[in-house]
Amino acid sequence: MKKSHLMKGMAALCLSILFSSCNEKKKNEIQTAQKEQAMEETKEAPGTWAERLGWPAGKKVIMLHADDIGMCPEANTAAEKQLTEGVIQSAAVMIPCPNAEEFITWAKDNPAMDVGLHLTLTSEWKTYRWGTVTEPNEVPGLLDEDKMMWHSVMQVVQHASADEVEKEIRSQIEQSIAWGHRPDHIDTHMGTLFGDPSYVKAYIKVAQEYGIPANIIDLSKPQVLAAFRSKGYPLDDSVVKMVEGYSLPKLDFFTSAPKADTYEEKVGAFKELIRSLEPGLTEIIFHPSVLTENLKTITNSWQQRSWEAQMFSDPDLIQFFKDEGIIFTNWQEIMKRFE
């Protein structure tokens, strides 16, 4: 009996140890699986594009970007000076405009400068106008009764097909290449290429085909999507899906230099804009031009444009950027990091 009891006790002990061991093994397996799942979720969690491209977490990475270059001599002079001095990082040329070729020639001679195209489908000023690069009979929907581009985005959306839009933006890229400069990036004048989902599709298609990054904003963050929808952009679910599938780097945010009544107020408003930005990769656009009487005949925004040609060389603003720990970049660097 004693032997039998001893054997039963030993068997019970063995079973208990085995059961405990199995539980511990199971527990470890569960914990390992949970850790692996957490790591995968962390990997998949959408960080900022600045982080994805290798910049430190929590940093504001900014591109000061000059638009409307090539529109007139005043814009060209301002942008050349700002880029050469290194106080801005990027600029984009309006190929259909009168002074586009001379700036593209400058870009060709200065390949270290980040110069792209401000893809243009509107001609907004009253008397200073331009038409398409494409032969007019191939894109009639892009032209008004004067054979010039429409004044407004809404007019383009009402009259131009996505095929015509795609044909014209391809022509503008090809014209730049023919003049000797392959664009470092592409963006959209007056936001026209975001005016209709079919235009967005053409824009993304062309960017990916050429391998030229476009100013596509990451819409995966609800607050960013809501912000741009509130401005009137028709960013429906189809656009969100297109942007999600876009294969080149995206911006975390996109904004413009605020207007103001005085130069001092403008600099102050710009500082407030910088402070308000979330960490991530942000492009800030503006429209610099040196002040001349000719500029005053072209646009009633001449004062803002003149200040925007001055402010980024302002020692006070430069020191502010340093104090805020701002990191500056351009599309050339973004693509190097991406590739």
C-alpha atoms as a PDB file:
ATOM      1  CA  MET A   1       0.000   0.000   0.000  1.00  0.00           C
ATOM      2  CA  LYS A   2       2.788   2.360   0.890  1.00  0.00           C
ATOM      3  CA  LYS A   3       4.463   1.671  -2.446  1.00  0.00           C
ATOM      4  CA  SER A   4       1.176   2.215  -4.272  1.00  0.00           C
ATOM      5  CA  HIS A   5       0.564   5.499  -2.442  1.00  0.00           C
ATOM      6  CA  LEU A   6       4.120   6.617  -3.176  1.00  0.00           C
ATOM      7  CA  MET A   7       3.717   5.870  -6.875  1.00  0.00           C
ATOM      8  CA  LYS A   8       0.392   7.680  -6.994  1.00  0.00           C
ATOM      9  CA  GLY A   9       1.969  10.682  -5.279  1.00  0.00           C
ATOM     10  CA  MET A  10       4.876  10.746  -7.664  1.00  0.00           C
ATOM     11  CA  ALA A  11       2.512  10.488 -10.653  1.00  0.00           C
ATOM     12  CA  ALA A  12       0.419  13.348  -9.309  1.00  0.00           C
ATOM     13  CA  LEU A  13       3.541  15.430  -8.768  1.00  0.00           C
ATOM     14  CA  CYS A  14       4.765  14.695 -12.312  1.00  0.00           C
ATOM     15  CA  LEU A  15       1.373  15.604 -13.752  1.00  0.00           C
ATOM     16  CA  SER A  16       1.337  18.791 -11.724  1.00  0.00           C
ATOM     17  CA  ILE A  17       4.833  19.753 -12.943  1.00  0.00           C
ATOM     18  CA  LEU A  18       3.935  18.840 -16.517  1.00  0.00           C
ATOM     19  CA  PHE A  19       0.684  20.816 -16.339  1.00  0.00           C
ATOM     20  CA  SER A  20       2.489  23.787 -14.815  1.00  0.00           C
ATOM     21  CA  SER A  21       5.182  23.555 -17.489  1.00  0.00           C
ATOM     22  CA  CYS A  22       2.551  23.445 -20.223  1.00  0.00           C
ATOM     23  CA  ASN A  23       0.794  26.460 -18.733  1.00  0.00           C
ATOM     24  CA  GLU A  24       4.070  28.364 -18.507  1.00  0.00           C
ATOM     25  CA  LYS A  25       4.928  27.428 -22.102  1.00  0.00           C
ATOM     26  CA  LYS A  26       1.478  28.524 -23.239  1.00  0.00           C
ATOM     27  CA  LYS A  27       1.797  31.720 -21.268  1.00  0.00           C
ATOM     28  CA  ASN A  28       5.188  32.455 -22.857  1.00  0.00           C
ATOM     29  CA  GLU A  29       3.797  31.721 -26.313  1.00  0.00           C
ATOM     30  CA  ILE A  30       0.916  34.118 -25.718  1.00  0.00           C
ATOM     31  CA  GLN A  31       3.251  36.810 -24.403  1.00  0.00           C
ATOM     32  CA  THR A  32       5.585  36.352 -27.391  1.00  0.00           C
ATOM     33  CA  ALA A  33       2.659  36.577 -29.794  1.00  0.00           C
ATOM     34  CA  GLN A  34       1.408  39.716 -28.057  1.00  0.00           C
ATOM     35  CA  LYS A  35       4.853  41.318 -28.280  1.00  0.00           C
ATOM     36  CA  GLU A  36       5.147  40.450 -31.974  1.00  0.00           C
ATOM     37  CA  GLN A  37       1.681  41.848 -32.638  1.00  0.00           C
ATOM     38  CA  ALA A  38       2.549  45.060 -30.771  1.00  0.00           C
ATOM     39  CA  MET A  39       5.761  45.405 -32.802  1.00  0.00           C
ATOM     40  CA  GLU A  40       3.848  44.928 -36.050  1.00  0.00           C
ATOM     41  CA  GLU A  41       1.268  47.493 -34.998  1.00  0.00           C
ATOM     42  CA  THR A  42       4.050  49.941 -34.155  1.00  0.00           C
ATOM     43  CA  LYS A  43       5.634  49.304 -37.553  1.00  0.00           C
ATOM     44  CA  GLU A  44       2.336  49.855 -39.331  1.00  0.00           C
ATOM     45  CA  ALA A  45       1.277  52.820 -37.232  1.00  0.00           C
ATOM     46  CA  PRO A  46       1.377  55.910 -39.427  1.00  0.00           C
ATOM     47  CA  GLY A  47       4.187  58.118 -38.118  1.00  0.00           C
ATOM     48  CA  THR A  48       4.890  61.416 -39.818  1.00  0.00           C
ATOM     49  CA  TRP A  49       6.487  61.444 -43.239  1.00  0.00           C
ATOM     50  CA  ALA A  50       9.357  63.343 -41.665  1.00  0.00           C
ATOM     51  CA  GLU A  51      10.014  60.332 -39.405  1.00  0.00           C
ATOM     52  CA  ARG A  52       9.607  57.847 -42.256  1.00  0.00           C
ATOM     53  CA  LEU A  53      12.220  59.764 -44.227  1.00  0.00           C
ATOM     54  CA  GLY A  54      14.690  59.615 -41.354  1.00  0.00           C
ATOM     55  CA  TRP A  55      14.299  62.904 -39.502  1.00  0.00           C
ATOM     56  CA  PRO A  56      14.017  62.837 -35.683  1.00  0.00           C
ATOM     57  CA  ALA A  57      10.582  62.246 -34.164  1.00  0.00           C
ATOM     58  CA  GLY A  58       8.784  65.338 -32.964  1.00  0.00           C
ATOM     59  CA  LYS A  59      10.606  67.739 -35.292  1.00  0.00           C
ATOM     60  CA  LYS A  60       9.050  70.292 -37.618  1.00  0.00           C
ATOM     61  CA  VAL A  61      10.647  69.780 -41.040  1.00  0.00           C
ATOM     62  CA  ILE A  62       9.721  72.643 -43.333  1.00  0.00           C
ATOM     63  CA  MET A  63      10.104  73.587 -46.969  1.00  0.00           C
ATOM     64  CA  LEU A  64       9.783  77.303 -47.797  1.00  0.00           C
ATOM     65  CA  HIS A  65       8.534  77.125 -51.360  1.00  0.00           C
ATOM     66  CA  ALA A  66       8.206  79.977 -53.876  1.00  0.00           C
ATOM     67  CA  ASP A  67       5.281  79.730 -56.291  1.00  0.00           C
ATOM     68  CA  ASP A  68       4.388  81.610 -59.502  1.00  0.00           C
ATOM     69  CA  ILE A  69       7.973  81.766 -60.750  1.00  0.00           C
ATOM     70  CA  GLY A  70       8.242  82.502 -64.471  1.00  0.00           C
ATOM     71  CA  MET A  71       5.068  84.581 -64.300  1.00  0.00           C
ATOM     72  CA  CYS A  72       7.029  87.819 -64.656  1.00  0.00           C
ATOM     73  CA  PRO A  73      10.639  89.113 -64.401  1.00  0.00           C
ATOM     74  CA  GLU A  74       9.988  90.339 -60.844  1.00  0.00           C
ATOM     75  CA  ALA A  75       9.157  86.839 -59.622  1.00  0.00           C
ATOM     76  CA  ASN A  76      12.259  85.374 -61.278  1.00  0.00           C
ATOM     77  CA  THR A  77      14.588  87.942 -59.731  1.00  0.00           C
ATOM     78  CA  ALA A  78      13.156  87.395 -56.256  1.00  0.00           C
ATOM     79  CA  ALA A  79      13.335  83.591 -56.432  1.00  0.00           C
ATOM     80  CA  GLU A  80      16.868  83.506 -57.841  1.00  0.00           C
ATOM     81  CA  LYS A  81      18.073  85.722 -54.985  1.00  0.00           C
ATOM     82  CA  GLN A  82      16.285  83.733 -52.267  1.00  0.00           C
ATOM     83  CA  LEU A  83      17.455  80.363 -53.576  1.00  0.00           C
ATOM     84  CA  THR A  84      21.038  81.530 -54.065  1.00  0.00           C
ATOM     85  CA  GLU A  85      21.172  82.975 -50.539  1.00  0.00           C
ATOM     86  CA  GLY A  86      19.707  79.748 -49.142  1.00  0.00           C
ATOM     87  CA  VAL A  87      16.908  81.523 -47.270  1.00  0.00           C
ATOM     88  CA  ILE A  88      14.272  79.413 -49.074  1.00  0.00           C
ATOM     89  CA  GLN A  89      14.530  75.817 -50.199  1.00  0.00           C
ATOM     90  CA  SER A  90      12.385  75.365 -53.304  1.00  0.00           C
ATOM     91  CA  ALA A  91      10.582  77.083 -56.179  1.00  0.00           C
ATOM     92  CA  ALA A  92       8.156  76.148 -58.944  1.00  0.00           C
ATOM     93  CA  VAL A  93       7.798  77.570 -62.450  1.00  0.00           C
ATOM     94  CA  MET A  94       4.609  78.314 -64.395  1.00  0.00           C
ATOM     95  CA  ILE A  95       5.592  76.968 -67.811  1.00  0.00           C
ATOM     96  CA  PRO A  96       2.856  78.717 -69.890  1.00  0.00           C
ATOM     97  CA  CYS A  97       3.934  82.150 -68.598  1.00  0.00           C
ATOM     98  CA  PRO A  98       6.070  84.724 -70.456  1.00  0.00           C
ATOM     99  CA  ASN A  99       9.237  84.427 -68.342  1.00  0.00           C
ATOM    100  CA  ALA A 100       9.245  80.690 -67.711  1.00  0.00           C
ATOM    101  CA  GLU A 101      11.970  79.718 -70.161  1.00  0.00           C
ATOM    102  CA  GLU A 102      14.508  82.158 -68.715  1.00  0.00           C
ATOM    103  CA  PHE A 103      14.033  80.718 -65.219  1.00  0.00           C
ATOM    104  CA  ILE A 104      14.256  77.144 -66.504  1.00  0.00           C
ATOM    105  CA  THR A 105      17.541  78.123 -68.169  1.00  0.00           C
ATOM    106  CA  TRP A 106      18.746  79.459 -64.809  1.00  0.00           C
ATOM    107  CA  ALA A 107      17.676  76.194 -63.134  1.00  0.00           C
ATOM    108  CA  LYS A 108      19.579  74.194 -65.763  1.00  0.00           C
ATOM    109  CA  ASP A 109      22.705  76.225 -64.953  1.00  0.00           C
ATOM    110  CA  ASN A 110      22.137  75.803 -61.192  1.00  0.00           C
ATOM    111  CA  PRO A 111      21.290  72.097 -60.737  1.00  0.00           C
ATOM    112  CA  ALA A 112      21.810  72.182 -56.961  1.00  0.00           C
ATOM    113  CA  MET A 113      18.772  74.455 -56.673  1.00  0.00           C
ATOM    114  CA  ASP A 114      15.436  72.726 -56.136  1.00  0.00           C
ATOM    115  CA  VAL A 115      13.206  73.834 -59.018  1.00  0.00           C
ATOM    116  CA  GLY A 116       9.946  72.197 -60.013  1.00  0.00           C
ATOM    117  CA  LEU A 117       6.846  73.082 -61.985  1.00  0.00           C
ATOM    118  CA  HIS A 118       3.779  74.950 -60.788  1.00  0.00           C
ATOM    119  CA  LEU A 119       1.457  73.074 -63.161  1.00  0.00           C
ATOM    120  CA  THR A 120      -0.830  75.770 -64.523  1.00  0.00           C
ATOM    121  CA  LEU A 121      -4.410  75.397 -65.746  1.00  0.00           C
ATOM    122  CA  THR A 122      -5.753  78.877 -64.932  1.00  0.00           C
ATOM    123  CA  SER A 123      -4.894  82.439 -65.962  1.00  0.00           C
ATOM    124  CA  GLU A 124      -6.402  84.497 -63.163  1.00  0.00           C
ATOM    125  CA  TRP A 125      -5.373  88.121 -63.795  1.00  0.00           C
ATOM    126  CA  LYS A 126      -7.577  90.599 -65.660  1.00  0.00           C
ATOM    127  CA  THR A 127      -5.167  91.761 -68.355  1.00  0.00           C
ATOM    128  CA  TYR A 128      -2.003  89.676 -67.896  1.00  0.00           C
ATOM    129  CA  ARG A 129      -2.974  86.343 -69.457  1.00  0.00           C
ATOM    130  CA  TRP A 130      -1.556  83.151 -70.982  1.00  0.00           C
ATOM    131  CA  GLY A 131      -2.780  80.135 -72.913  1.00  0.00           C
ATOM    132  CA  THR A 132      -1.881  76.439 -72.988  1.00  0.00           C
ATOM    133  CA  VAL A 133       1.398  74.799 -73.979  1.00  0.00           C
ATOM    134  CA  THR A 134      -0.597  72.154 -75.853  1.00  0.00           C
ATOM    135  CA  GLU A 135      -2.015  73.155 -79.234  1.00  0.00           C
ATOM    136  CA  PRO A 136      -5.369  74.881 -78.523  1.00  0.00           C
ATOM    137  CA  ASN A 137      -7.370  72.585 -80.806  1.00  0.00           C
ATOM    138  CA  GLU A 138      -6.240  69.586 -78.696  1.00  0.00           C
ATOM    139  CA  VAL A 139      -7.464  71.033 -75.386  1.00  0.00           C
ATOM    140  CA  PRO A 140     -10.410  73.323 -76.194  1.00  0.00           C
ATOM    141  CA  GLY A 141     -11.977  72.755 -72.769  1.00  0.00           C
ATOM    142  CA  LEU A 142      -9.026  74.489 -71.085  1.00  0.00           C
ATOM    143  CA  LEU A 143      -9.501  77.748 -73.019  1.00  0.00           C
ATOM    144  CA  ASP A 144     -11.968  80.609 -72.738  1.00  0.00           C
ATOM    145  CA  GLU A 145     -13.406  82.738 -75.546  1.00  0.00           C
ATOM    146  CA  ASP A 146     -10.110  84.677 -75.744  1.00  0.00           C
ATOM    147  CA  LYS A 147      -8.122  81.434 -76.186  1.00  0.00           C
ATOM    148  CA  MET A 148      -6.573  81.968 -72.769  1.00  0.00           C
ATOM    149  CA  MET A 149      -6.813  79.666 -69.763  1.00  0.00           C
ATOM    150  CA  TRP A 150      -9.876  80.164 -67.590  1.00  0.00           C
ATOM    151  CA  HIS A 151      -9.750  82.706 -64.760  1.00  0.00           C
ATOM    152  CA  SER A 152     -11.004  80.358 -62.012  1.00  0.00           C
ATOM    153  CA  VAL A 153     -10.723  76.756 -60.864  1.00  0.00           C
ATOM    154  CA  MET A 154     -14.499  76.359 -61.062  1.00  0.00           C
ATOM    155  CA  GLN A 155     -14.483  77.349 -64.742  1.00  0.00           C
ATOM    156  CA  VAL A 156     -11.827  74.730 -65.468  1.00  0.00           C
ATOM    157  CA  VAL A 157     -13.860  72.047 -63.684  1.00  0.00           C
ATOM    158  CA  GLN A 158     -16.979  73.060 -65.615  1.00  0.00           C
ATOM    159  CA  HIS A 159     -15.321  72.933 -69.050  1.00  0.00           C
ATOM    160  CA  ALA A 160     -12.194  70.746 -69.120  1.00  0.00           C
ATOM    161  CA  SER A 161     -12.049  66.947 -69.225  1.00  0.00           C
ATOM    162  CA  ALA A 162      -9.502  64.942 -67.248  1.00  0.00           C
ATOM    163  CA  ASP A 163      -7.948  63.864 -70.567  1.00  0.00           C
ATOM    164  CA  GLU A 164      -7.367  67.493 -71.540  1.00  0.00           C
ATOM    165  CA  VAL A 165      -5.910  68.229 -68.107  1.00  0.00           C
ATOM    166  CA  GLU A 166      -3.561  65.252 -68.344  1.00  0.00           C
ATOM    167  CA  LYS A 167      -2.465  66.238 -71.843  1.00  0.00           C
ATOM    168  CA  GLU A 168      -1.626  69.786 -70.740  1.00  0.00           C
ATOM    169  CA  ILE A 169       0.308  68.877 -67.607  1.00  0.00           C
ATOM    170  CA  ARG A 170       2.327  66.366 -69.621  1.00  0.00           C
ATOM    171  CA  SER A 171       3.053  69.103 -72.178  1.00  0.00           C
ATOM    172  CA  GLN A 172       4.294  71.428 -69.446  1.00  0.00           C
ATOM    173  CA  ILE A 173       6.650  68.763 -68.059  1.00  0.00           C
ATOM    174  CA  GLU A 174       7.907  67.909 -71.532  1.00  0.00           C
ATOM    175  CA  GLN A 175       8.466  71.604 -72.305  1.00  0.00           C
ATOM    176  CA  SER A 176      10.665  71.984 -69.217  1.00  0.00           C
ATOM    177  CA  ILE A 177      12.638  68.890 -70.197  1.00  0.00           C
ATOM    178  CA  ALA A 178      13.016  70.206 -73.769  1.00  0.00           C
ATOM    179  CA  TRP A 179      14.397  73.469 -72.356  1.00  0.00           C
ATOM    180  CA  GLY A 180      16.996  71.419 -70.455  1.00  0.00           C
ATOM    181  CA  HIS A 181      15.628  70.954 -66.926  1.00  0.00           C
ATOM    182  CA  ARG A 182      13.917  67.847 -65.579  1.00  0.00           C
ATOM    183  CA  PRO A 183      11.630  69.153 -62.807  1.00  0.00           C
ATOM    184  CA  ASP A 184      12.539  68.229 -59.227  1.00  0.00           C
ATOM    185  CA  HIS A 185       8.840  68.167 -58.293  1.00  0.00           C
ATOM    186  CA  ILE A 186       5.398  69.226 -59.504  1.00  0.00           C
ATOM    187  CA  ASP A 187       2.564  71.062 -57.809  1.00  0.00           C
ATOM    188  CA  THR A 188      -0.653  72.775 -58.815  1.00  0.00           C
ATOM    189  CA  HIS A 189      -1.404  76.460 -59.429  1.00  0.00           C
ATOM    190  CA  MET A 190      -4.472  77.604 -57.473  1.00  0.00           C
ATOM    191  CA  GLY A 191      -5.047  74.001 -56.390  1.00  0.00           C
ATOM    192  CA  THR A 192      -6.755  73.220 -59.714  1.00  0.00           C
ATOM    193  CA  LEU A 193      -5.532  69.629 -59.863  1.00  0.00           C
ATOM    194  CA  PHE A 194      -7.442  68.964 -56.645  1.00  0.00           C
ATOM    195  CA  GLY A 195     -10.582  70.573 -58.103  1.00  0.00           C
ATOM    196  CA  ASP A 196     -12.067  67.277 -59.270  1.00  0.00           C
ATOM    197  CA  PRO A 197     -11.324  63.617 -58.403  1.00  0.00           C
ATOM    198  CA  SER A 198     -10.645  62.842 -62.068  1.00  0.00           C
ATOM    199  CA  TYR A 199      -7.971  65.565 -62.109  1.00  0.00           C
ATOM    200  CA  VAL A 200      -6.350  64.100 -58.980  1.00  0.00           C
ATOM    201  CA  LYS A 201      -6.204  60.739 -60.740  1.00  0.00           C
ATOM    202  CA  ALA A 202      -4.439  62.295 -63.747  1.00  0.00           C
ATOM    203  CA  TYR A 203      -2.050  64.233 -61.474  1.00  0.00           C
ATOM    204  CA  ILE A 204      -1.028  61.143 -59.507  1.00  0.00           C
ATOM    205  CA  LYS A 205      -0.724  59.058 -62.678  1.00  0.00           C
ATOM    206  CA  VAL A 206       1.625  61.562 -64.322  1.00  0.00           C
ATOM    207  CA  ALA A 207       3.734  62.035 -61.158  1.00  0.00           C
ATOM    208  CA  GLN A 208       4.238  58.286 -60.763  1.00  0.00           C
ATOM    209  CA  GLU A 209       4.946  57.705 -64.451  1.00  0.00           C
ATOM    210  CA  TYR A 210       7.684  60.338 -64.522  1.00  0.00           C
ATOM    211  CA  GLY A 211       8.898  59.522 -61.006  1.00  0.00           C
ATOM    212  CA  ILE A 212       8.604  63.218 -60.140  1.00  0.00           C
ATOM    213  CA  PRO A 213       7.161  63.851 -56.664  1.00  0.00           C
ATOM    214  CA  ALA A 214       3.951  65.863 -56.446  1.00  0.00           C
ATOM    215  CA  ASN A 215       2.727  67.906 -53.505  1.00  0.00           C
ATOM    216  CA  ILE A 216       0.406  65.137 -52.340  1.00  0.00           C
ATOM    217  CA  ILE A 217      -0.699  65.488 -48.721  1.00  0.00           C
ATOM    218  CA  ASP A 218      -1.111  62.434 -46.491  1.00  0.00           C
ATOM    219  CA  LEU A 219      -4.864  62.285 -45.815  1.00  0.00           C
ATOM    220  CA  SER A 220      -4.728  59.327 -43.413  1.00  0.00           C
ATOM    221  CA  LYS A 221      -4.989  61.653 -40.403  1.00  0.00           C
ATOM    222  CA  PRO A 222      -8.643  62.675 -39.906  1.00  0.00           C
ATOM    223  CA  GLN A 223      -7.762  66.202 -38.769  1.00  0.00           C
ATOM    224  CA  VAL A 224      -5.723  66.841 -41.929  1.00  0.00           C
ATOM    225  CA  LEU A 225      -8.480  65.531 -44.188  1.00  0.00           C
ATOM    226  CA  ALA A 226     -11.074  67.622 -42.330  1.00  0.00           C
ATOM    227  CA  ALA A 227      -8.904  70.739 -42.622  1.00  0.00           C
ATOM    228  CA  PHE A 228      -8.682  70.508 -46.413  1.00  0.00           C
ATOM    229  CA  ARG A 229     -12.317  69.522 -46.843  1.00  0.00           C
ATOM    230  CA  SER A 230     -13.252  72.624 -44.845  1.00  0.00           C
ATOM    231  CA  LYS A 231     -11.430  74.739 -47.445  1.00  0.00           C
ATOM    232  CA  GLY A 232     -13.742  73.395 -50.149  1.00  0.00           C
ATOM    233  CA  TYR A 233     -11.556  70.730 -51.753  1.00  0.00           C
ATOM    234  CA  PRO A 234     -13.744  67.851 -53.040  1.00  0.00           C
ATOM    235  CA  LEU A 235     -11.696  65.166 -51.313  1.00  0.00           C
ATOM    236  CA  ASP A 236     -14.179  62.303 -51.449  1.00  0.00           C
ATOM    237  CA  ASP A 237     -13.441  58.693 -50.529  1.00  0.00           C
ATOM    238  CA  SER A 238     -12.116  57.971 -54.023  1.00  0.00           C
ATOM    239  CA  VAL A 239      -9.482  60.706 -53.629  1.00  0.00           C
ATOM    240  CA  VAL A 240      -8.516  59.449 -50.167  1.00  0.00           C
ATOM    241  CA  LYS A 241      -8.036  55.983 -51.662  1.00  0.00           C
ATOM    242  CA  MET A 242      -5.967  57.351 -54.564  1.00  0.00           C
ATOM    243  CA  VAL A 243      -3.732  59.264 -52.172  1.00  0.00           C
ATOM    244  CA  GLU A 244      -3.349  56.160 -50.002  1.00  0.00           C
ATOM    245  CA  GLY A 245      -2.050  54.237 -53.022  1.00  0.00           C
ATOM    246  CA  TYR A 246       0.306  56.995 -54.188  1.00  0.00           C
ATOM    247  CA  SER A 247       3.811  55.507 -54.389  1.00  0.00           C
ATOM    248  CA  LEU A 248       6.019  58.591 -53.928  1.00  0.00           C
ATOM    249  CA  PRO A 249       6.678  60.543 -50.694  1.00  0.00           C
ATOM    250  CA  LYS A 250       3.887  62.672 -49.265  1.00  0.00           C
ATOM    251  CA  LEU A 251       3.679  65.815 -47.198  1.00  0.00           C
ATOM    252  CA  ASP A 252       2.254  65.713 -43.685  1.00  0.00           C
ATOM    253  CA  PHE A 253       0.792  69.174 -44.185  1.00  0.00           C
ATOM    254  CA  PHE A 254       0.636  72.049 -46.663  1.00  0.00           C
ATOM    255  CA  THR A 255      -0.132  75.713 -46.057  1.00  0.00           C
ATOM    256  CA  SER A 256       0.658  79.228 -47.236  1.00  0.00           C
ATOM    257  CA  ALA A 257       2.161  82.423 -45.867  1.00  0.00           C
ATOM    258  CA  PRO A 258      -0.584  84.499 -44.221  1.00  0.00           C
ATOM    259  CA  LYS A 259      -1.553  87.932 -45.505  1.00  0.00           C
ATOM    260  CA  ALA A 260      -1.233  91.013 -43.303  1.00  0.00           C
ATOM    261  CA  ASP A 261      -1.707  94.786 -43.356  1.00  0.00           C
ATOM    262  CA  THR A 262       1.908  95.650 -42.521  1.00  0.00           C
ATOM    263  CA  TYR A 263       5.287  93.997 -42.943  1.00  0.00           C
ATOM    264  CA  GLU A 264       5.694  93.637 -39.173  1.00  0.00           C
ATOM    265  CA  GLU A 265       2.286  92.004 -38.861  1.00  0.00           C
ATOM    266  CA  LYS A 266       3.134  89.644 -41.710  1.00  0.00           C
ATOM    267  CA  VAL A 267       6.346  88.466 -40.035  1.00  0.00           C
ATOM    268  CA  GLY A 268       4.467  88.078 -36.740  1.00  0.00           C
ATOM    269  CA  ALA A 269       1.691  86.089 -38.434  1.00  0.00           C
ATOM    270  CA  PHE A 270       4.280  83.845 -40.077  1.00  0.00           C
ATOM    271  CA  LYS A 271       5.862  83.113 -36.701  1.00  0.00           C
ATOM    272  CA  GLU A 272       2.439  82.193 -35.324  1.00  0.00           C
ATOM    273  CA  LEU A 273       1.896  79.869 -38.296  1.00  0.00           C
ATOM    274  CA  ILE A 274       5.189  78.090 -37.570  1.00  0.00           C
ATOM    275  CA  ARG A 275       4.319  77.724 -33.882  1.00  0.00           C
ATOM    276  CA  SER A 276       0.911  76.265 -34.752  1.00  0.00           C
ATOM    277  CA  LEU A 277       2.271  73.491 -36.991  1.00  0.00           C
ATOM    278  CA  GLU A 278       2.337  69.901 -35.804  1.00  0.00           C
ATOM    279  CA  PRO A 279       5.633  67.988 -36.090  1.00  0.00           C
ATOM    280  CA  GLY A 280       6.136  66.498 -39.534  1.00  0.00           C
ATOM    281  CA  LEU A 281       6.962  67.466 -43.112  1.00  0.00           C
ATOM    282  CA  THR A 282       5.234  70.710 -44.142  1.00  0.00           C
ATOM    283  CA  GLU A 283       5.465  72.753 -47.319  1.00  0.00           C
ATOM    284  CA  ILE A 284       4.700  76.468 -46.960  1.00  0.00           C
ATOM    285  CA  ILE A 285       4.070  78.351 -50.190  1.00  0.00           C
ATOM    286  CA  PHE A 286       4.383  82.055 -50.926  1.00  0.00           C
ATOM    287  CA  HIS A 287       4.750  84.275 -53.996  1.00  0.00           C
ATOM    288  CA  PRO A 288       7.864  86.481 -53.896  1.00  0.00           C
ATOM    289  CA  SER A 289       8.375  89.314 -56.363  1.00  0.00           C
ATOM    290  CA  VAL A 290      10.555  92.411 -56.315  1.00  0.00           C
ATOM    291  CA  LEU A 291       8.467  95.559 -56.260  1.00  0.00           C
ATOM    292  CA  THR A 292       8.188  97.454 -59.550  1.00  0.00           C
ATOM    293  CA  GLU A 293       5.535  99.539 -61.256  1.00  0.00           C
ATOM    294  CA  ASN A 294       5.115  96.676 -63.719  1.00  0.00           C
ATOM    295  CA  LEU A 295       4.228  94.278 -60.890  1.00  0.00           C
ATOM    296  CA  LYS A 296       1.518  96.697 -59.747  1.00  0.00           C
ATOM    297  CA  THR A 297      -0.084  96.494 -63.191  1.00  0.00           C
ATOM    298  CA  ILE A 298      -0.211  92.682 -63.042  1.00  0.00           C
ATOM    299  CA  THR A 299      -1.667  91.917 -59.611  1.00  0.00           C
ATOM    300  CA  ASN A 300      -3.276  93.721 -56.702  1.00  0.00           C
ATOM    301  CA  SER A 301      -1.359  91.329 -54.391  1.00  0.00           C
ATOM    302  CA  TRP A 302       1.879  93.189 -55.223  1.00  0.00           C
ATOM    303  CA  GLN A 303       2.426  94.371 -51.641  1.00  0.00           C
ATOM    304  CA  GLN A 304       2.200  90.858 -50.139  1.00  0.00           C
ATOM    305  CA  ARG A 305       4.496  89.508 -52.865  1.00  0.00           C
ATOM    306  CA  SER A 306       7.012  92.261 -52.242  1.00  0.00           C
ATOM    307  CA  TRP A 307       7.104  91.515 -48.495  1.00  0.00           C
ATOM    308  CA  GLU A 308       7.490  87.798 -49.257  1.00  0.00           C
ATOM    309  CA  ALA A 309      10.591  88.654 -51.295  1.00  0.00           C
ATOM    310  CA  GLN A 310      12.060  90.343 -48.189  1.00  0.00           C
ATOM    311  CA  MET A 311      10.920  88.487 -45.092  1.00  0.00           C
ATOM    312  CA  PHE A 312      12.923  85.263 -45.338  1.00  0.00           C
ATOM    313  CA  SER A 313      16.171  87.271 -45.369  1.00  0.00           C
ATOM    314  CA  ASP A 314      15.049  89.126 -42.235  1.00  0.00           C
ATOM    315  CA  PRO A 315      17.583  88.362 -39.436  1.00  0.00           C
ATOM    316  CA  ASP A 316      14.763  88.378 -36.877  1.00  0.00           C
ATOM    317  CA  LEU A 317      12.853  85.638 -38.710  1.00  0.00           C
ATOM    318  CA  ILE A 318      16.034  83.642 -39.369  1.00  0.00           C
ATOM    319  CA  GLN A 319      16.843  83.721 -35.632  1.00  0.00           C
ATOM    320  CA  PHE A 320      13.269  82.688 -34.846  1.00  0.00           C
ATOM    321  CA  PHE A 321      13.660  79.582 -37.023  1.00  0.00           C
ATOM    322  CA  LYS A 322      16.849  78.685 -35.140  1.00  0.00           C
ATOM    323  CA  ASP A 323      15.213  79.226 -31.750  1.00  0.00           C
ATOM    324  CA  GLU A 324      12.305  76.986 -32.777  1.00  0.00           C
ATOM    325  CA  GLY A 325      14.670  74.203 -33.903  1.00  0.00           C
ATOM    326  CA  ILE A 326      13.201  74.135 -37.407  1.00  0.00           C
ATOM    327  CA  ILE A 327      14.774  71.713 -39.876  1.00  0.00           C
ATOM    328  CA  PHE A 328      14.637  72.835 -43.521  1.00  0.00           C
ATOM    329  CA  THR A 329      14.560  70.559 -46.553  1.00  0.00           C
ATOM    330  CA  ASN A 330      13.632  70.463 -50.234  1.00  0.00           C
ATOM    331  CA  TRP A 331      12.306  67.924 -52.725  1.00  0.00           C
ATOM    332  CA  GLN A 332      15.784  66.908 -53.866  1.00  0.00           C
ATOM    333  CA  GLU A 333      16.682  65.814 -50.329  1.00  0.00           C
ATOM    334  CA  ILE A 334      13.278  64.206 -49.784  1.00  0.00           C
ATOM    335  CA  MET A 335      13.752  62.021 -52.863  1.00  0.00           C
ATOM    336  CA  LYS A 336      17.301  61.064 -51.870  1.00  0.00           C
ATOM    337  CA  ARG A 337      16.042  59.956 -48.463  1.00  0.00           C
ATOM    338  CA  PHE A 338      13.072  58.165 -50.050  1.00  0.00           C
ATOM    339  CA  GLU A 339      15.178  56.260 -52.571  1.00  0.00           C
END
